[in-house]
């Protein structure tokens, strides 16, 4: 994805000369301050030129000026998450992105830097270019919004425990009840937000473990279950009968290889694709979802409770929320 920065004048010249690049989306900023004193002032007109445009009326303000203008960091740039969604839609469609503001130096440069840093770790190329003076607030807000949106974007398949189970865990851990305010297991965004919220709270209490060595040390020292959050990029399937009921991986601990088994029999999916790796089984009392055997998951992001099984010399993992299940 090519990301470019343009001023209003430069873009209007390109449009006038009929040189607008194909397969390109535009993020276009204009100045409310100018609009208030010039009633003829408006956005660059992309009609008939580009049908993938995000228009934003945004004052070019630094952090120390926000309060004087009646803003806080949170209230300034309220459409930033919509811009993040727009950027990801363009990215998924293989489009380039033009960032345009009045002078092509501040808001547009900050937007380009955030996009380049998020996708390619190359935002510094904008900051080190003396042609640009990226707005720091715009940069950080877009970068943070892209990071948050990525958690939604990548979460095509996920597992989520029922509300009653999550509520019981939150009560046992003495976490804020507000974490459950918007939780709906069938809503993928709410599942991602819940996972992030619980992990943040447990991390602040030093009750969440991440690395394999850290998890195993905690299990050996405490001799009881621990909460953990980790990514798995190498999975094998666990069978109880004909259909897979869970997945497994191996933790490395010194020279040892310790199996970790994750069992679950129901999960939700966030997709419009009907070719799902899911086998749906109906019984008299309920409907369960089993991992499909045609297309296996290769990676996932786990959060749940782990315990050591001394007889089998392995770790049992009880999932509460699993996101980013990637086939």
C-alpha atoms as a PDB file:
ATOM      1  CA  UNK A   1       0.000   0.000   0.000  1.00  0.00           C
ATOM      2  CA  UNK A   2       1.455   3.325  -1.089  1.00  0.00           C
ATOM      3  CA  UNK A   3       0.739   6.227   1.273  1.00  0.00           C
ATOM      4  CA  UNK A   4       1.159   9.801  -0.017  1.00  0.00           C
ATOM      5  CA  UNK A   5       0.806  13.306   1.437  1.00  0.00           C
ATOM      6  CA  UNK A   6      -0.654  16.189  -0.566  1.00  0.00           C
ATOM      7  CA  UNK A   7      -1.775  19.759  -0.048  1.00  0.00           C
ATOM      8  CA  UNK A   8      -5.096  21.043  -1.333  1.00  0.00           C
ATOM      9  CA  UNK A   9      -3.376  22.936  -4.143  1.00  0.00           C
ATOM     10  CA  UNK A  10      -1.315  19.921  -5.277  1.00  0.00           C
ATOM     11  CA  UNK A  11      -4.344  17.617  -5.296  1.00  0.00           C
ATOM     12  CA  UNK A  12      -6.502  20.084  -7.179  1.00  0.00           C
ATOM     13  CA  UNK A  13      -3.780  20.376  -9.829  1.00  0.00           C
ATOM     14  CA  UNK A  14      -3.686  16.582 -10.173  1.00  0.00           C
ATOM     15  CA  UNK A  15      -7.461  16.467 -10.552  1.00  0.00           C
ATOM     16  CA  UNK A  16      -7.438  19.334 -13.020  1.00  0.00           C
ATOM     17  CA  UNK A  17      -4.807  17.576 -15.126  1.00  0.00           C
ATOM     18  CA  UNK A  18      -6.742  14.294 -14.942  1.00  0.00           C
ATOM     19  CA  UNK A  19      -3.768  12.554 -13.318  1.00  0.00           C
ATOM     20  CA  UNK A  20      -5.485  11.153 -10.242  1.00  0.00           C
ATOM     21  CA  UNK A  21      -3.993   7.671  -9.605  1.00  0.00           C
ATOM     22  CA  UNK A  22      -6.269   4.628  -9.956  1.00  0.00           C
ATOM     23  CA  UNK A  23      -7.227   2.337  -7.082  1.00  0.00           C
ATOM     24  CA  UNK A  24      -6.588   5.077  -4.540  1.00  0.00           C
ATOM     25  CA  UNK A  25      -8.552   6.133  -1.456  1.00  0.00           C
ATOM     26  CA  UNK A  26      -8.400   9.643   0.032  1.00  0.00           C
ATOM     27  CA  UNK A  27      -8.483  11.016   3.562  1.00  0.00           C
ATOM     28  CA  UNK A  28      -9.303  14.708   3.127  1.00  0.00           C
ATOM     29  CA  UNK A  29      -9.084  17.306   5.897  1.00  0.00           C
ATOM     30  CA  UNK A  30     -10.407  20.845   5.772  1.00  0.00           C
ATOM     31  CA  UNK A  31     -10.199  23.717   8.272  1.00  0.00           C
ATOM     32  CA  UNK A  32     -13.328  24.663  10.240  1.00  0.00           C
ATOM     33  CA  UNK A  33     -11.592  27.957  11.089  1.00  0.00           C
ATOM     34  CA  UNK A  34     -11.392  28.952   7.415  1.00  0.00           C
ATOM     35  CA  UNK A  35     -14.941  27.759   6.818  1.00  0.00           C
ATOM     36  CA  UNK A  36     -16.196  30.120   9.540  1.00  0.00           C
ATOM     37  CA  UNK A  37     -14.745  33.184   7.812  1.00  0.00           C
ATOM     38  CA  UNK A  38     -15.174  32.118   4.185  1.00  0.00           C
ATOM     39  CA  UNK A  39     -18.603  30.729   3.386  1.00  0.00           C
ATOM     40  CA  UNK A  40     -17.392  29.527  -0.037  1.00  0.00           C
ATOM     41  CA  UNK A  41     -14.652  27.369   1.480  1.00  0.00           C
ATOM     42  CA  UNK A  42     -15.230  23.603   1.408  1.00  0.00           C
ATOM     43  CA  UNK A  43     -13.499  20.259   0.953  1.00  0.00           C
ATOM     44  CA  UNK A  44     -11.630  19.387  -2.196  1.00  0.00           C
ATOM     45  CA  UNK A  45     -14.221  18.110  -4.654  1.00  0.00           C
ATOM     46  CA  UNK A  46     -13.484  14.464  -5.500  1.00  0.00           C
ATOM     47  CA  UNK A  47     -16.850  13.760  -7.131  1.00  0.00           C
ATOM     48  CA  UNK A  48     -16.397  11.886 -10.392  1.00  0.00           C
ATOM     49  CA  UNK A  49     -12.723  11.377  -9.536  1.00  0.00           C
ATOM     50  CA  UNK A  50     -12.703   9.083  -6.508  1.00  0.00           C
ATOM     51  CA  UNK A  51     -15.580   7.309  -4.767  1.00  0.00           C
ATOM     52  CA  UNK A  52     -13.533   6.212  -1.735  1.00  0.00           C
ATOM     53  CA  UNK A  53     -13.064   9.405   0.286  1.00  0.00           C
ATOM     54  CA  UNK A  54     -13.182  10.127   4.016  1.00  0.00           C
ATOM     55  CA  UNK A  55     -13.897  13.798   4.719  1.00  0.00           C
ATOM     56  CA  UNK A  56     -12.965  15.304   8.074  1.00  0.00           C
ATOM     57  CA  UNK A  57     -13.416  18.856   9.331  1.00  0.00           C
ATOM     58  CA  UNK A  58     -10.669  19.094  11.942  1.00  0.00           C
ATOM     59  CA  UNK A  59      -8.904  22.063  13.519  1.00  0.00           C
ATOM     60  CA  UNK A  60      -5.119  21.709  13.395  1.00  0.00           C
ATOM     61  CA  UNK A  61      -4.435  21.939  17.145  1.00  0.00           C
ATOM     62  CA  UNK A  62      -1.507  20.950  19.340  1.00  0.00           C
ATOM     63  CA  UNK A  63      -1.957  19.273  22.697  1.00  0.00           C
ATOM     64  CA  UNK A  64      -1.324  22.431  24.722  1.00  0.00           C
ATOM     65  CA  UNK A  65      -3.973  24.352  22.721  1.00  0.00           C
ATOM     66  CA  UNK A  66      -6.818  21.829  23.035  1.00  0.00           C
ATOM     67  CA  UNK A  67      -8.153  23.068  26.372  1.00  0.00           C
ATOM     68  CA  UNK A  68      -8.119  26.714  25.281  1.00  0.00           C
ATOM     69  CA  UNK A  69     -10.251  25.722  22.293  1.00  0.00           C
ATOM     70  CA  UNK A  70     -12.715  23.817  24.438  1.00  0.00           C
ATOM     71  CA  UNK A  71     -11.428  20.293  23.738  1.00  0.00           C
ATOM     72  CA  UNK A  72      -9.952  17.446  25.738  1.00  0.00           C
ATOM     73  CA  UNK A  73      -7.767  14.751  24.234  1.00  0.00           C
ATOM     74  CA  UNK A  74     -10.786  12.438  24.173  1.00  0.00           C
ATOM     75  CA  UNK A  75     -13.258  14.885  22.612  1.00  0.00           C
ATOM     76  CA  UNK A  76     -10.881  16.141  19.924  1.00  0.00           C
ATOM     77  CA  UNK A  77     -11.078  14.241  16.614  1.00  0.00           C
ATOM     78  CA  UNK A  78     -14.164  12.129  17.505  1.00  0.00           C
ATOM     79  CA  UNK A  79     -14.318  10.419  14.088  1.00  0.00           C
ATOM     80  CA  UNK A  80     -10.854   8.867  14.473  1.00  0.00           C
ATOM     81  CA  UNK A  81     -12.148   5.303  14.869  1.00  0.00           C
ATOM     82  CA  UNK A  82     -14.217   5.690  11.701  1.00  0.00           C
ATOM     83  CA  UNK A  83     -11.015   6.729   9.918  1.00  0.00           C
ATOM     84  CA  UNK A  84      -9.275   3.602  11.221  1.00  0.00           C
ATOM     85  CA  UNK A  85     -12.091   1.457   9.799  1.00  0.00           C
ATOM     86  CA  UNK A  86     -11.856   3.364   6.495  1.00  0.00           C
ATOM     87  CA  UNK A  87      -8.086   2.763   6.324  1.00  0.00           C
ATOM     88  CA  UNK A  88      -8.514  -0.956   6.930  1.00  0.00           C
ATOM     89  CA  UNK A  89     -11.200  -1.226   4.247  1.00  0.00           C
ATOM     90  CA  UNK A  90      -8.839   0.414   1.771  1.00  0.00           C
ATOM     91  CA  UNK A  91      -6.005  -1.864   2.907  1.00  0.00           C
ATOM     92  CA  UNK A  92      -8.144  -4.997   2.490  1.00  0.00           C
ATOM     93  CA  UNK A  93      -9.071  -3.904  -1.031  1.00  0.00           C
ATOM     94  CA  UNK A  94      -5.404  -3.413  -1.968  1.00  0.00           C
ATOM     95  CA  UNK A  95      -5.807   0.340  -2.429  1.00  0.00           C
ATOM     96  CA  UNK A  96      -3.233   3.102  -2.022  1.00  0.00           C
ATOM     97  CA  UNK A  97      -4.079   6.029   0.268  1.00  0.00           C
ATOM     98  CA  UNK A  98      -3.659   9.767  -0.265  1.00  0.00           C
ATOM     99  CA  UNK A  99      -3.687  11.936   2.858  1.00  0.00           C
ATOM    100  CA  UNK A 100      -4.616  15.534   2.045  1.00  0.00           C
ATOM    101  CA  UNK A 101      -5.005  18.655   4.159  1.00  0.00           C
ATOM    102  CA  UNK A 102      -4.761  22.382   3.469  1.00  0.00           C
ATOM    103  CA  UNK A 103      -0.978  22.653   3.244  1.00  0.00           C
ATOM    104  CA  UNK A 104      -0.006  18.982   3.193  1.00  0.00           C
ATOM    105  CA  UNK A 105       2.254  19.316   6.228  1.00  0.00           C
ATOM    106  CA  UNK A 106       0.472  18.681   9.538  1.00  0.00           C
ATOM    107  CA  UNK A 107      -2.775  16.662   9.732  1.00  0.00           C
ATOM    108  CA  UNK A 108      -2.209  14.784   6.474  1.00  0.00           C
ATOM    109  CA  UNK A 109       1.430  14.088   7.376  1.00  0.00           C
ATOM    110  CA  UNK A 110       0.413  12.811  10.812  1.00  0.00           C
ATOM    111  CA  UNK A 111      -2.177  10.521   9.226  1.00  0.00           C
ATOM    112  CA  UNK A 112       0.340   9.120   6.748  1.00  0.00           C
ATOM    113  CA  UNK A 113       2.894   8.585   9.523  1.00  0.00           C
ATOM    114  CA  UNK A 114       0.353   6.663  11.642  1.00  0.00           C
ATOM    115  CA  UNK A 115      -0.624   4.441   8.708  1.00  0.00           C
ATOM    116  CA  UNK A 116       2.992   3.717   7.774  1.00  0.00           C
ATOM    117  CA  UNK A 117       3.963   3.010  11.375  1.00  0.00           C
ATOM    118  CA  UNK A 118       0.993   0.720  11.979  1.00  0.00           C
ATOM    119  CA  UNK A 119       1.366  -1.414   8.860  1.00  0.00           C
ATOM    120  CA  UNK A 120       5.088  -1.133   8.072  1.00  0.00           C
ATOM    121  CA  UNK A 121       6.850   0.275  11.180  1.00  0.00           C
ATOM    122  CA  UNK A 122       8.020   3.145   8.994  1.00  0.00           C
ATOM    123  CA  UNK A 123       6.276   6.231  10.336  1.00  0.00           C
ATOM    124  CA  UNK A 124       9.670   7.760  11.095  1.00  0.00           C
ATOM    125  CA  UNK A 125      10.091   8.437   7.369  1.00  0.00           C
ATOM    126  CA  UNK A 126       7.476  11.191   7.699  1.00  0.00           C
ATOM    127  CA  UNK A 127       8.846  12.654  10.926  1.00  0.00           C
ATOM    128  CA  UNK A 128      12.386  12.909   9.534  1.00  0.00           C
ATOM    129  CA  UNK A 129      11.224  14.643   6.356  1.00  0.00           C
ATOM    130  CA  UNK A 130      11.621  18.411   6.799  1.00  0.00           C
ATOM    131  CA  UNK A 131       8.746  19.048   4.386  1.00  0.00           C
ATOM    132  CA  UNK A 132       6.338  17.840   7.062  1.00  0.00           C
ATOM    133  CA  UNK A 133       5.350  18.928  10.559  1.00  0.00           C
ATOM    134  CA  UNK A 134       3.066  16.083  11.712  1.00  0.00           C
ATOM    135  CA  UNK A 135       0.393  16.983  14.234  1.00  0.00           C
ATOM    136  CA  UNK A 136       1.320  14.859  17.259  1.00  0.00           C
ATOM    137  CA  UNK A 137      -2.239  14.564  18.583  1.00  0.00           C
ATOM    138  CA  UNK A 138      -3.610  13.442  15.210  1.00  0.00           C
ATOM    139  CA  UNK A 139      -0.752  10.953  14.835  1.00  0.00           C
ATOM    140  CA  UNK A 140      -1.260   9.331  18.242  1.00  0.00           C
ATOM    141  CA  UNK A 141      -5.038   9.205  17.973  1.00  0.00           C
ATOM    142  CA  UNK A 142      -4.972   7.550  14.538  1.00  0.00           C
ATOM    143  CA  UNK A 143      -2.178   5.156  15.514  1.00  0.00           C
ATOM    144  CA  UNK A 144      -4.057   4.077  18.667  1.00  0.00           C
ATOM    145  CA  UNK A 145      -7.337   3.732  16.742  1.00  0.00           C
ATOM    146  CA  UNK A 146      -5.644   1.546  14.119  1.00  0.00           C
ATOM    147  CA  UNK A 147      -4.178  -0.649  16.844  1.00  0.00           C
ATOM    148  CA  UNK A 148      -7.610  -1.071  18.430  1.00  0.00           C
ATOM    149  CA  UNK A 149      -9.337  -1.682  15.118  1.00  0.00           C
ATOM    150  CA  UNK A 150      -6.786  -4.360  14.203  1.00  0.00           C
ATOM    151  CA  UNK A 151      -8.004  -6.401  17.178  1.00  0.00           C
ATOM    152  CA  UNK A 152     -11.491  -6.339  15.659  1.00  0.00           C
ATOM    153  CA  UNK A 153     -10.290  -6.819  12.086  1.00  0.00           C
ATOM    154  CA  UNK A 154      -8.253  -9.956  12.810  1.00  0.00           C
ATOM    155  CA  UNK A 155     -10.951 -11.568  14.925  1.00  0.00           C
ATOM    156  CA  UNK A 156     -12.753 -13.582  12.273  1.00  0.00           C
ATOM    157  CA  UNK A 157     -13.292 -16.636  14.469  1.00  0.00           C
ATOM    158  CA  UNK A 158     -13.314 -16.589  18.243  1.00  0.00           C
ATOM    159  CA  UNK A 159     -14.375 -18.459  21.338  1.00  0.00           C
ATOM    160  CA  UNK A 160     -16.213 -16.757  24.188  1.00  0.00           C
ATOM    161  CA  UNK A 161     -17.588 -18.189  27.396  1.00  0.00           C
ATOM    162  CA  UNK A 162     -21.194 -17.533  28.349  1.00  0.00           C
ATOM    163  CA  UNK A 163     -21.990 -14.366  30.303  1.00  0.00           C
ATOM    164  CA  UNK A 164     -22.689 -16.227  33.555  1.00  0.00           C
ATOM    165  CA  UNK A 165     -19.282 -17.896  33.451  1.00  0.00           C
ATOM    166  CA  UNK A 166     -17.480 -14.618  32.776  1.00  0.00           C
ATOM    167  CA  UNK A 167     -19.469 -12.874  35.518  1.00  0.00           C
ATOM    168  CA  UNK A 168     -18.481 -15.526  38.055  1.00  0.00           C
ATOM    169  CA  UNK A 169     -14.800 -15.143  37.144  1.00  0.00           C
ATOM    170  CA  UNK A 170     -14.981 -11.351  37.432  1.00  0.00           C
ATOM    171  CA  UNK A 171     -16.563 -11.651  40.885  1.00  0.00           C
ATOM    172  CA  UNK A 172     -13.931 -14.143  42.057  1.00  0.00           C
ATOM    173  CA  UNK A 173     -11.120 -11.916  40.799  1.00  0.00           C
ATOM    174  CA  UNK A 174     -12.751  -8.793  42.302  1.00  0.00           C
ATOM    175  CA  UNK A 175     -12.653  -6.975  38.986  1.00  0.00           C
ATOM    176  CA  UNK A 176     -14.932  -4.023  38.078  1.00  0.00           C
ATOM    177  CA  UNK A 177     -18.485  -5.031  37.175  1.00  0.00           C
ATOM    178  CA  UNK A 178     -18.322  -2.409  34.393  1.00  0.00           C
ATOM    179  CA  UNK A 179     -16.232  -4.854  32.339  1.00  0.00           C
ATOM    180  CA  UNK A 180     -19.433  -6.784  31.664  1.00  0.00           C
ATOM    181  CA  UNK A 181     -21.537  -3.753  30.743  1.00  0.00           C
ATOM    182  CA  UNK A 182     -21.424  -4.334  26.985  1.00  0.00           C
ATOM    183  CA  UNK A 183     -20.404  -7.986  26.827  1.00  0.00           C
ATOM    184  CA  UNK A 184     -22.362 -10.134  24.389  1.00  0.00           C
ATOM    185  CA  UNK A 185     -20.769 -13.463  23.418  1.00  0.00           C
ATOM    186  CA  UNK A 186     -22.267 -13.232  19.933  1.00  0.00           C
ATOM    187  CA  UNK A 187     -20.805  -9.732  19.394  1.00  0.00           C
ATOM    188  CA  UNK A 188     -17.175 -10.047  18.285  1.00  0.00           C
ATOM    189  CA  UNK A 189     -16.259  -6.439  19.146  1.00  0.00           C
ATOM    190  CA  UNK A 190     -17.556  -6.782  22.695  1.00  0.00           C
ATOM    191  CA  UNK A 191     -15.577 -10.011  23.116  1.00  0.00           C
ATOM    192  CA  UNK A 192     -12.349  -8.300  22.038  1.00  0.00           C
ATOM    193  CA  UNK A 193     -13.015  -5.376  24.383  1.00  0.00           C
ATOM    194  CA  UNK A 194     -13.787  -7.675  27.308  1.00  0.00           C
ATOM    195  CA  UNK A 195     -10.578  -9.652  26.781  1.00  0.00           C
ATOM    196  CA  UNK A 196      -8.510  -6.466  26.651  1.00  0.00           C
ATOM    197  CA  UNK A 197     -10.261  -5.068  29.722  1.00  0.00           C
ATOM    198  CA  UNK A 198      -9.785  -8.160  31.897  1.00  0.00           C
ATOM    199  CA  UNK A 199      -6.166  -8.558  30.826  1.00  0.00           C
ATOM    200  CA  UNK A 200      -5.448  -4.908  31.647  1.00  0.00           C
ATOM    201  CA  UNK A 201      -6.975  -5.219  35.119  1.00  0.00           C
ATOM    202  CA  UNK A 202      -5.200  -8.493  35.894  1.00  0.00           C
ATOM    203  CA  UNK A 203      -1.876  -7.078  34.681  1.00  0.00           C
ATOM    204  CA  UNK A 204      -2.268  -4.128  37.043  1.00  0.00           C
ATOM    205  CA  UNK A 205      -2.808  -6.621  39.882  1.00  0.00           C
ATOM    206  CA  UNK A 206       0.229  -8.695  38.759  1.00  0.00           C
ATOM    207  CA  UNK A 207      -2.114 -11.660  38.307  1.00  0.00           C
ATOM    208  CA  UNK A 208      -1.644 -12.300  34.586  1.00  0.00           C
ATOM    209  CA  UNK A 209       1.132 -14.379  33.035  1.00  0.00           C
ATOM    210  CA  UNK A 210       2.288 -14.211  29.426  1.00  0.00           C
ATOM    211  CA  UNK A 211       5.478 -16.114  28.549  1.00  0.00           C
ATOM    212  CA  UNK A 212       5.784 -19.895  28.669  1.00  0.00           C
ATOM    213  CA  UNK A 213       8.530 -19.805  31.284  1.00  0.00           C
ATOM    214  CA  UNK A 214       6.583 -17.328  33.415  1.00  0.00           C
ATOM    215  CA  UNK A 215       3.451 -19.492  33.275  1.00  0.00           C
ATOM    216  CA  UNK A 216       5.240 -22.711  34.199  1.00  0.00           C
ATOM    217  CA  UNK A 217       7.171 -21.048  37.033  1.00  0.00           C
ATOM    218  CA  UNK A 218       3.923 -19.632  38.443  1.00  0.00           C
ATOM    219  CA  UNK A 219       2.215 -23.046  38.286  1.00  0.00           C
ATOM    220  CA  UNK A 220       5.129 -24.688  40.097  1.00  0.00           C
ATOM    221  CA  UNK A 221       5.439 -22.010  42.765  1.00  0.00           C
ATOM    222  CA  UNK A 222       1.780 -21.393  43.578  1.00  0.00           C
ATOM    223  CA  UNK A 223       0.642 -25.004  43.161  1.00  0.00           C
ATOM    224  CA  UNK A 224      -2.729 -23.684  41.992  1.00  0.00           C
ATOM    225  CA  UNK A 225      -4.380 -22.392  38.853  1.00  0.00           C
ATOM    226  CA  UNK A 226      -3.136 -19.193  37.239  1.00  0.00           C
ATOM    227  CA  UNK A 227      -4.542 -16.819  34.642  1.00  0.00           C
ATOM    228  CA  UNK A 228      -2.614 -16.437  31.436  1.00  0.00           C
ATOM    229  CA  UNK A 229      -2.737 -14.657  28.104  1.00  0.00           C
ATOM    230  CA  UNK A 230      -0.601 -15.848  25.219  1.00  0.00           C
ATOM    231  CA  UNK A 231      -0.497 -16.348  21.468  1.00  0.00           C
ATOM    232  CA  UNK A 232      -0.133 -19.803  19.931  1.00  0.00           C
ATOM    233  CA  UNK A 233       1.301 -20.224  16.450  1.00  0.00           C
ATOM    234  CA  UNK A 234       1.721 -23.983  16.387  1.00  0.00           C
ATOM    235  CA  UNK A 235      -1.392 -26.070  17.077  1.00  0.00           C
ATOM    236  CA  UNK A 236      -2.433 -29.689  16.905  1.00  0.00           C
ATOM    237  CA  UNK A 237      -6.021 -30.943  17.179  1.00  0.00           C
ATOM    238  CA  UNK A 238      -7.474 -32.942  20.050  1.00  0.00           C
ATOM    239  CA  UNK A 239     -10.075 -35.608  19.302  1.00  0.00           C
ATOM    240  CA  UNK A 240     -12.675 -37.285  21.443  1.00  0.00           C
ATOM    241  CA  UNK A 241     -14.425 -39.450  18.932  1.00  0.00           C
ATOM    242  CA  UNK A 242     -14.684 -38.442  15.287  1.00  0.00           C
ATOM    243  CA  UNK A 243     -14.684 -34.676  15.624  1.00  0.00           C
ATOM    244  CA  UNK A 244     -12.047 -32.426  17.174  1.00  0.00           C
ATOM    245  CA  UNK A 245     -13.045 -30.934  20.518  1.00  0.00           C
ATOM    246  CA  UNK A 246     -10.046 -28.729  21.157  1.00  0.00           C
ATOM    247  CA  UNK A 247      -6.493 -27.835  20.291  1.00  0.00           C
ATOM    248  CA  UNK A 248      -3.126 -28.394  21.829  1.00  0.00           C
ATOM    249  CA  UNK A 249       0.327 -26.896  21.745  1.00  0.00           C
ATOM    250  CA  UNK A 250       3.659 -27.458  23.469  1.00  0.00           C
ATOM    251  CA  UNK A 251       5.406 -25.129  25.888  1.00  0.00           C
ATOM    252  CA  UNK A 252       9.190 -25.171  25.969  1.00  0.00           C
ATOM    253  CA  UNK A 253      10.754 -25.187  29.418  1.00  0.00           C
ATOM    254  CA  UNK A 254      14.490 -25.736  29.301  1.00  0.00           C
ATOM    255  CA  UNK A 255      14.953 -29.004  27.445  1.00  0.00           C
ATOM    256  CA  UNK A 256      11.429 -30.160  28.265  1.00  0.00           C
ATOM    257  CA  UNK A 257       8.392 -30.057  25.995  1.00  0.00           C
ATOM    258  CA  UNK A 258       5.217 -29.681  28.039  1.00  0.00           C
ATOM    259  CA  UNK A 259       1.830 -30.310  26.358  1.00  0.00           C
ATOM    260  CA  UNK A 260      -0.940 -27.744  26.820  1.00  0.00           C
ATOM    261  CA  UNK A 261      -4.497 -28.884  26.052  1.00  0.00           C
ATOM    262  CA  UNK A 262      -7.282 -26.379  25.338  1.00  0.00           C
ATOM    263  CA  UNK A 263     -10.737 -27.945  25.199  1.00  0.00           C
ATOM    264  CA  UNK A 264     -13.913 -26.135  24.188  1.00  0.00           C
ATOM    265  CA  UNK A 265     -17.079 -27.178  22.402  1.00  0.00           C
ATOM    266  CA  UNK A 266     -18.689 -23.903  21.441  1.00  0.00           C
ATOM    267  CA  UNK A 267     -17.477 -20.752  19.776  1.00  0.00           C
ATOM    268  CA  UNK A 268     -18.793 -17.877  17.746  1.00  0.00           C
ATOM    269  CA  UNK A 269     -17.603 -16.553  14.433  1.00  0.00           C
ATOM    270  CA  UNK A 270     -17.465 -13.101  12.898  1.00  0.00           C
ATOM    271  CA  UNK A 271     -17.707 -13.457   9.141  1.00  0.00           C
ATOM    272  CA  UNK A 272     -19.992 -13.381   6.131  1.00  0.00           C
ATOM    273  CA  UNK A 273     -18.123 -16.288   4.599  1.00  0.00           C
ATOM    274  CA  UNK A 274     -20.282 -19.413   4.578  1.00  0.00           C
ATOM    275  CA  UNK A 275     -17.349 -21.798   4.034  1.00  0.00           C
ATOM    276  CA  UNK A 276     -16.718 -22.130   7.740  1.00  0.00           C
ATOM    277  CA  UNK A 277     -14.483 -24.676   9.444  1.00  0.00           C
ATOM    278  CA  UNK A 278     -17.353 -25.526  11.762  1.00  0.00           C
ATOM    279  CA  UNK A 279     -19.378 -28.651  12.293  1.00  0.00           C
ATOM    280  CA  UNK A 280     -22.737 -27.830  13.877  1.00  0.00           C
ATOM    281  CA  UNK A 281     -24.358 -30.575  15.878  1.00  0.00           C
ATOM    282  CA  UNK A 282     -27.877 -30.414  17.277  1.00  0.00           C
ATOM    283  CA  UNK A 283     -29.106 -32.345  20.265  1.00  0.00           C
ATOM    284  CA  UNK A 284     -32.394 -32.316  22.132  1.00  0.00           C
ATOM    285  CA  UNK A 285     -31.279 -29.693  24.637  1.00  0.00           C
ATOM    286  CA  UNK A 286     -28.884 -27.396  22.817  1.00  0.00           C
ATOM    287  CA  UNK A 287     -26.706 -26.730  19.805  1.00  0.00           C
ATOM    288  CA  UNK A 288     -22.956 -27.152  20.091  1.00  0.00           C
ATOM    289  CA  UNK A 289     -20.239 -26.094  17.720  1.00  0.00           C
ATOM    290  CA  UNK A 290     -17.275 -28.326  17.078  1.00  0.00           C
ATOM    291  CA  UNK A 291     -14.021 -27.498  15.401  1.00  0.00           C
ATOM    292  CA  UNK A 292     -14.302 -28.484  11.774  1.00  0.00           C
ATOM    293  CA  UNK A 293     -12.019 -31.108  10.324  1.00  0.00           C
ATOM    294  CA  UNK A 294     -11.753 -29.695   6.795  1.00  0.00           C
ATOM    295  CA  UNK A 295      -9.803 -26.555   7.636  1.00  0.00           C
ATOM    296  CA  UNK A 296      -7.748 -26.454  10.832  1.00  0.00           C
ATOM    297  CA  UNK A 297      -6.895 -23.404  12.863  1.00  0.00           C
ATOM    298  CA  UNK A 298      -3.189 -22.632  12.855  1.00  0.00           C
ATOM    299  CA  UNK A 299      -2.969 -19.891  15.493  1.00  0.00           C
ATOM    300  CA  UNK A 300      -4.974 -18.110  18.195  1.00  0.00           C
ATOM    301  CA  UNK A 301      -4.777 -15.657  21.105  1.00  0.00           C
ATOM    302  CA  UNK A 302      -5.724 -17.347  24.376  1.00  0.00           C
ATOM    303  CA  UNK A 303      -6.976 -15.973  27.680  1.00  0.00           C
ATOM    304  CA  UNK A 304      -8.089 -18.249  30.502  1.00  0.00           C
ATOM    305  CA  UNK A 305      -7.123 -20.328  33.509  1.00  0.00           C
ATOM    306  CA  UNK A 306      -4.258 -22.840  33.477  1.00  0.00           C
ATOM    307  CA  UNK A 307      -3.587 -25.677  35.908  1.00  0.00           C
ATOM    308  CA  UNK A 308      -0.866 -28.310  36.190  1.00  0.00           C
ATOM    309  CA  UNK A 309      -1.845 -31.979  35.795  1.00  0.00           C
ATOM    310  CA  UNK A 310       0.896 -33.820  37.687  1.00  0.00           C
ATOM    311  CA  UNK A 311      -0.295 -37.295  36.667  1.00  0.00           C
ATOM    312  CA  UNK A 312      -0.142 -36.587  32.932  1.00  0.00           C
ATOM    313  CA  UNK A 313       2.687 -34.037  33.266  1.00  0.00           C
ATOM    314  CA  UNK A 314       0.821 -31.495  31.214  1.00  0.00           C
ATOM    315  CA  UNK A 315      -1.108 -28.235  31.490  1.00  0.00           C
ATOM    316  CA  UNK A 316      -4.906 -28.062  31.288  1.00  0.00           C
ATOM    317  CA  UNK A 317      -6.071 -24.754  29.821  1.00  0.00           C
ATOM    318  CA  UNK A 318      -9.659 -23.647  30.469  1.00  0.00           C
ATOM    319  CA  UNK A 319     -10.469 -20.912  27.942  1.00  0.00           C
ATOM    320  CA  UNK A 320     -12.548 -17.870  28.812  1.00  0.00           C
ATOM    321  CA  UNK A 321     -11.929 -15.864  25.662  1.00  0.00           C
ATOM    322  CA  UNK A 322      -9.989 -16.905  22.554  1.00  0.00           C
ATOM    323  CA  UNK A 323      -9.601 -14.410  19.731  1.00  0.00           C
ATOM    324  CA  UNK A 324      -7.863 -14.302  16.351  1.00  0.00           C
ATOM    325  CA  UNK A 325      -8.437 -17.970  15.546  1.00  0.00           C
ATOM    326  CA  UNK A 326      -6.701 -18.084  12.172  1.00  0.00           C
ATOM    327  CA  UNK A 327      -7.256 -20.986   9.725  1.00  0.00           C
END
